[in-house]
Each structure stands twice: as C-alpha cells, then as structure tokens.
C-alpha cells in the first residue's frame, strides 16, 4: 500500500519550478556557487531513466564543473561514440567505473583507484594503465540500475573497468544509506577518480566542497520546507556516481 504522505510530498516537489541546469527544485539549487575545474580527462555520465532523485542527485551538478562533460539519460547506446556524441577512436583508453561484486578490499592493494580485468582480478601494470586513460564513464543510479546499464551496453567491455576503494565513507551520511562502505555519490566518485588519475587533489576538493554545499542546502530546506525535501528512501547504489 502506498504512503499518502509520500505521494503528497512528491506532488509538492513536482509543483515547484526547477533549475534548468541542475534539474533541482529552485530552493535546492546551488548552481551559482559551482566553479569551473580544468581537467584533461573527459567525463561521460550515463544516468538510468528511473534515477529521478531531484533533491539529492548529483549527476548534473558534477558535469557543471567540467567543460568536457556529458550527461546522457537512457538504458543503452550502440557504442561509446554514440553515447558521448563524438567519435572515440580507442575505447580502451576510456575507463568505466563499475563496482559490481568487486571490492578493492578483497584485492592485494591499498590503492583507492584500481583497474581490474573481466574476472574482477587486479590488472598488472596499474600505473601504466591508469596514466593512459583519456576519458571516464560513470553510471548514475541505484545499485540495480547501474547493473542494468553495465549489462545493456556491451561496448563497455572494450573499455578499462575500474573500481574505487575510498578511504572514507560517503558524505551522504544518514541522508542516504549506502549498501557498502565503498559506495559514493556520483560527484564524490568523479572527484576521487579524476583527482587520482590526474594527481591533482584540488579536483576532489572542489567537487566535495560543492557536494557539502548541496547537502547543507538540502538540510536547510528540509527543516524549513519538509514537503519539498522529504526524507529519502534507502538507496542500494551510488555513481556516479553516485549525480
């Protein structure tokens, strides 16, 4: 049986105008505080069409930081080039962040970014592989939605699969329950990944600062307008990324 209060809260959110850039209800928008970040690595965020968390999602907010970032909503694309909207000559130089059942904690490494093969085993020559990456694909949705994106896009097998072993838990905290300690929001995953690949910690600092501002604004609105920012349901995946 559906909860009438949830339906009313959802209707309240839909009735509030949204920002055309981040897609959030205007009271939750922080676009004016997003600062551009230089990055040599391209970013493609594939968002599952059922990922509709306007209040706490971070995909579009993440993309705003970078000139070479694209967000696509859908289930499948025939190739990386079609998804990105431009020709990619060597998909093997692109990485797809997909955890699946793989965990960095189960591998013989203390690295936060790890390249793995199709069997979930750590690839040899990590430094050479990671330094050659020119683009990153993030999957934005719940755990099951990310799995659907992975399995419906066979071209991802031509890319390098990578996983993350973050040293700290997601900043979502109690706002969104992660199924695993290595689950991150899309914006946190992008920050950790790009900062590590480019060896520029300021990238993660900029994205995490934006995420902190987003969460602070959410808590303010939740306190003043509970019908606009209802208590979110437990999530089973994030990233994404996780926005």
Foldseek 3Di string as FASTA:
>chain_A
DDDVLVVLLVVVQVVADADPQLRARVLLDPLVPAEADDFQAAEEEEEEQVADPRQQACQSVLQSRYPRYYYHYDQEDAAPCRRSVHDDPQQQLEEEEACPPADPVVAPDPAFKFWAAPVNHTDPPGLVNLLSRRYYYAYEDFNVSSVSSPVRYVNNNSYTYMYGDDPAAEPCPPLEAEPDRRFYFALQVVLVSRCVSVVNNVSNVSSVVVSVSSVVSLVVCCVVPVSNRPRDDYGHHAVVGHD
